[in-house]
Amino acid sequence: VQLQASGGGLVQAGGSLRLSCAASGRTFSSYAMGWFRQGPGKEREFVAAIRRSGQLTYYADSVKGRFTMSRDNAKNTVYLQMNSLKPEDTAVYYCAAGRGTILSTLRQQVGYNYWGQGTLVTVSS
């Protein structure tokens, strides 16, 4: 599976962005998908995950209520709608694909086998 993330950019605090992650291959629907981010001088951290069917999503506490993850299996694409952005959301955002089904696995980088190249989100104050 090859993943291509896009949609990053510069936005003012309080603004919105929608990230997309397009996947190659015909087995997209068999993978859970996740978004992670790595801010300046920080370790990569979990942001959100969605199960294969798209019926269940999980979020980091820091983004809950502001970010929404969704997927369109017909288009082999996942999305991350980010609202009420804060300067601390500034990071490179990565999408990832994995076979995990358990939340504890989906919240960890080791739960994913394939990674996209990342897209930069910069939130100005």
C-alpha atoms as a PDB file:
ATOM      1  CA  VAL A   1       0.000   0.000   0.000  1.00  0.00           C
ATOM      2  CA  GLN A   2       1.345   3.421  -0.939  1.00  0.00           C
ATOM      3  CA  LEU A   3      -0.009   6.483   0.827  1.00  0.00           C
ATOM      4  CA  GLN A   4       0.033  10.093  -0.329  1.00  0.00           C
ATOM      5  CA  ALA A   5      -0.933  12.782   2.159  1.00  0.00           C
ATOM      6  CA  SER A   6      -1.966  16.254   1.074  1.00  0.00           C
ATOM      7  CA  GLY A   7      -3.862  19.323   2.205  1.00  0.00           C
ATOM      8  CA  GLY A   8      -1.407  20.898   4.604  1.00  0.00           C
ATOM      9  CA  GLY A   9      -0.660  24.587   4.620  1.00  0.00           C
ATOM     10  CA  LEU A  10      -0.550  27.790   6.621  1.00  0.00           C
ATOM     11  CA  VAL A  11      -3.650  28.819   8.539  1.00  0.00           C
ATOM     12  CA  GLN A  12      -4.433  31.272  11.296  1.00  0.00           C
ATOM     13  CA  ALA A  13      -5.448  30.113  14.736  1.00  0.00           C
ATOM     14  CA  GLY A  14      -9.131  29.282  14.795  1.00  0.00           C
ATOM     15  CA  GLY A  15      -9.119  28.299  11.147  1.00  0.00           C
ATOM     16  CA  SER A  16      -9.714  24.968   9.450  1.00  0.00           C
ATOM     17  CA  LEU A  17      -7.927  22.598   7.123  1.00  0.00           C
ATOM     18  CA  ARG A  18      -8.799  19.240   5.636  1.00  0.00           C
ATOM     19  CA  LEU A  19      -6.071  16.720   5.093  1.00  0.00           C
ATOM     20  CA  SER A  20      -6.433  13.878   2.631  1.00  0.00           C
ATOM     21  CA  CYS A  21      -4.549  10.624   2.325  1.00  0.00           C
ATOM     22  CA  ALA A  22      -4.921   8.708  -0.910  1.00  0.00           C
ATOM     23  CA  ALA A  23      -3.976   5.041  -0.964  1.00  0.00           C
ATOM     24  CA  SER A  24      -2.986   2.841  -3.862  1.00  0.00           C
ATOM     25  CA  GLY A  25      -4.041  -0.753  -4.212  1.00  0.00           C
ATOM     26  CA  ARG A  26      -7.282  -2.677  -4.109  1.00  0.00           C
ATOM     27  CA  THR A  27      -7.076  -3.716  -0.447  1.00  0.00           C
ATOM     28  CA  PHE A  28      -7.573  -0.290   1.102  1.00  0.00           C
ATOM     29  CA  SER A  29     -10.793  -1.306   2.836  1.00  0.00           C
ATOM     30  CA  SER A  30      -8.966  -4.082   4.694  1.00  0.00           C
ATOM     31  CA  TYR A  31      -6.757  -1.597   6.543  1.00  0.00           C
ATOM     32  CA  ALA A  32      -7.379   0.528   9.564  1.00  0.00           C
ATOM     33  CA  MET A  33      -6.015   4.022   9.016  1.00  0.00           C
ATOM     34  CA  GLY A  34      -4.376   6.460  11.354  1.00  0.00           C
ATOM     35  CA  TRP A  35      -3.098  10.003  11.484  1.00  0.00           C
ATOM     36  CA  PHE A  36      -0.031  10.904  13.488  1.00  0.00           C
ATOM     37  CA  ARG A  37       1.838  14.186  13.788  1.00  0.00           C
ATOM     38  CA  GLN A  38       5.286  15.384  14.724  1.00  0.00           C
ATOM     39  CA  GLY A  39       5.708  18.940  15.921  1.00  0.00           C
ATOM     40  CA  PRO A  40       8.979  20.874  16.049  1.00  0.00           C
ATOM     41  CA  GLY A  41      11.301  19.231  18.544  1.00  0.00           C
ATOM     42  CA  LYS A  42       8.665  16.703  19.530  1.00  0.00           C
ATOM     43  CA  GLU A  43       8.159  13.002  19.098  1.00  0.00           C
ATOM     44  CA  ARG A  44       5.603  11.672  16.686  1.00  0.00           C
ATOM     45  CA  GLU A  45       2.231  11.319  18.373  1.00  0.00           C
ATOM     46  CA  PHE A  46      -1.125   9.725  17.689  1.00  0.00           C
ATOM     47  CA  VAL A  47      -3.882  11.999  16.417  1.00  0.00           C
ATOM     48  CA  ALA A  48      -6.746   9.842  15.161  1.00  0.00           C
ATOM     49  CA  ALA A  49      -7.606   6.416  13.822  1.00  0.00           C
ATOM     50  CA  ILE A  50     -10.479   4.837  11.979  1.00  0.00           C
ATOM     51  CA  ARG A  51     -11.398   1.199  11.634  1.00  0.00           C
ATOM     52  CA  ARG A  52     -11.723  -0.568   8.311  1.00  0.00           C
ATOM     53  CA  SER A  53     -15.462  -0.034   7.971  1.00  0.00           C
ATOM     54  CA  GLY A  54     -15.251   3.581   9.049  1.00  0.00           C
ATOM     55  CA  GLN A  55     -17.832   3.059  11.762  1.00  0.00           C
ATOM     56  CA  LEU A  56     -15.463   3.605  14.666  1.00  0.00           C
ATOM     57  CA  THR A  57     -13.026   6.441  15.149  1.00  0.00           C
ATOM     58  CA  TYR A  58     -10.622   7.280  17.944  1.00  0.00           C
ATOM     59  CA  TYR A  59      -8.979  10.567  18.816  1.00  0.00           C
ATOM     60  CA  ALA A  60      -6.225  11.895  20.992  1.00  0.00           C
ATOM     61  CA  ASP A  61      -7.573  13.965  23.863  1.00  0.00           C
ATOM     62  CA  SER A  62      -5.793  17.028  22.487  1.00  0.00           C
ATOM     63  CA  VAL A  63      -7.871  17.022  19.282  1.00  0.00           C
ATOM     64  CA  LYS A  64     -11.143  15.496  20.430  1.00  0.00           C
ATOM     65  CA  GLY A  65     -14.069  17.705  19.507  1.00  0.00           C
ATOM     66  CA  ARG A  66     -12.012  19.668  16.962  1.00  0.00           C
ATOM     67  CA  PHE A  67     -10.804  17.037  14.495  1.00  0.00           C
ATOM     68  CA  THR A  68     -12.889  14.521  12.576  1.00  0.00           C
ATOM     69  CA  MET A  69     -11.492  11.561  10.718  1.00  0.00           C
ATOM     70  CA  SER A  70     -13.429   9.840   7.958  1.00  0.00           C
ATOM     71  CA  ARG A  71     -12.805   7.493   5.072  1.00  0.00           C
ATOM     72  CA  ASP A  72     -14.227   6.810   1.640  1.00  0.00           C
ATOM     73  CA  ASN A  73     -13.387   3.242   0.721  1.00  0.00           C
ATOM     74  CA  ALA A  74     -14.702   3.731  -2.805  1.00  0.00           C
ATOM     75  CA  LYS A  75     -12.097   6.463  -3.323  1.00  0.00           C
ATOM     76  CA  ASN A  76      -9.324   4.795  -1.308  1.00  0.00           C
ATOM     77  CA  THR A  77      -9.017   7.972   0.713  1.00  0.00           C
ATOM     78  CA  VAL A  78      -9.095   9.038   4.331  1.00  0.00           C
ATOM     79  CA  TYR A  79      -9.634  12.558   5.554  1.00  0.00           C
ATOM     80  CA  LEU A  80      -8.838  14.568   8.624  1.00  0.00           C
ATOM     81  CA  GLN A  81     -11.039  17.619   9.054  1.00  0.00           C
ATOM     82  CA  MET A  82      -9.316  19.981  11.454  1.00  0.00           C
ATOM     83  CA  ASN A  83     -11.299  22.835  12.958  1.00  0.00           C
ATOM     84  CA  SER A  84     -10.504  25.425  15.612  1.00  0.00           C
ATOM     85  CA  LEU A  85      -6.830  24.994  14.922  1.00  0.00           C
ATOM     86  CA  LYS A  86      -4.320  26.094  17.523  1.00  0.00           C
ATOM     87  CA  PRO A  87      -0.636  26.985  17.201  1.00  0.00           C
ATOM     88  CA  GLU A  88       0.196  23.783  19.076  1.00  0.00           C
ATOM     89  CA  ASP A  89      -1.340  21.816  16.201  1.00  0.00           C
ATOM     90  CA  THR A  90       1.608  22.890  14.054  1.00  0.00           C
ATOM     91  CA  ALA A  91       3.289  19.698  12.867  1.00  0.00           C
ATOM     92  CA  VAL A  92       3.979  17.404   9.989  1.00  0.00           C
ATOM     93  CA  TYR A  93       0.972  15.120   9.710  1.00  0.00           C
ATOM     94  CA  TYR A  94       1.408  11.538   8.580  1.00  0.00           C
ATOM     95  CA  CYS A  95      -1.170   9.012   7.525  1.00  0.00           C
ATOM     96  CA  ALA A  96      -0.626   5.328   8.095  1.00  0.00           C
ATOM     97  CA  ALA A  97      -2.268   2.004   7.286  1.00  0.00           C
ATOM     98  CA  GLY A  98      -2.331  -1.104   9.421  1.00  0.00           C
ATOM     99  CA  ARG A  99      -4.169  -4.354  10.082  1.00  0.00           C
ATOM    100  CA  GLY A 100      -4.908  -3.668  13.730  1.00  0.00           C
ATOM    101  CA  THR A 101      -8.403  -3.644  15.158  1.00  0.00           C
ATOM    102  CA  ILE A 102      -7.817  -2.894  18.815  1.00  0.00           C
ATOM    103  CA  LEU A 103      -7.682   0.709  20.006  1.00  0.00           C
ATOM    104  CA  SER A 104      -4.516   0.167  22.013  1.00  0.00           C
ATOM    105  CA  THR A 105      -2.801  -0.989  18.828  1.00  0.00           C
ATOM    106  CA  LEU A 106      -4.201   1.752  16.646  1.00  0.00           C
ATOM    107  CA  ARG A 107      -2.873   4.422  18.992  1.00  0.00           C
ATOM    108  CA  GLN A 108       0.706   3.253  18.519  1.00  0.00           C
ATOM    109  CA  GLN A 109       3.048   3.656  15.567  1.00  0.00           C
ATOM    110  CA  VAL A 110       3.930  -0.035  15.722  1.00  0.00           C
ATOM    111  CA  GLY A 111       0.330  -0.820  14.836  1.00  0.00           C
ATOM    112  CA  TYR A 112       0.889   0.430  11.275  1.00  0.00           C
ATOM    113  CA  ASN A 113       2.761  -1.122   8.402  1.00  0.00           C
ATOM    114  CA  TYR A 114       2.638   1.623   5.801  1.00  0.00           C
ATOM    115  CA  TRP A 115       3.268   5.362   6.084  1.00  0.00           C
ATOM    116  CA  GLY A 116       2.757   8.363   3.872  1.00  0.00           C
ATOM    117  CA  GLN A 117       5.345  11.071   3.372  1.00  0.00           C
ATOM    118  CA  GLY A 118       3.723  13.680   5.605  1.00  0.00           C
ATOM    119  CA  THR A 119       2.148  17.060   4.987  1.00  0.00           C
ATOM    120  CA  LEU A 120       3.059  20.200   6.917  1.00  0.00           C
ATOM    121  CA  VAL A 121       0.423  22.120   8.852  1.00  0.00           C
ATOM    122  CA  THR A 122       1.430  25.483  10.259  1.00  0.00           C
ATOM    123  CA  VAL A 123      -0.948  27.387  12.518  1.00  0.00           C
ATOM    124  CA  SER A 124      -0.053  31.008  13.185  1.00  0.00           C
ATOM    125  CA  SER A 125      -1.155  32.856  16.295  1.00  0.00           C
END
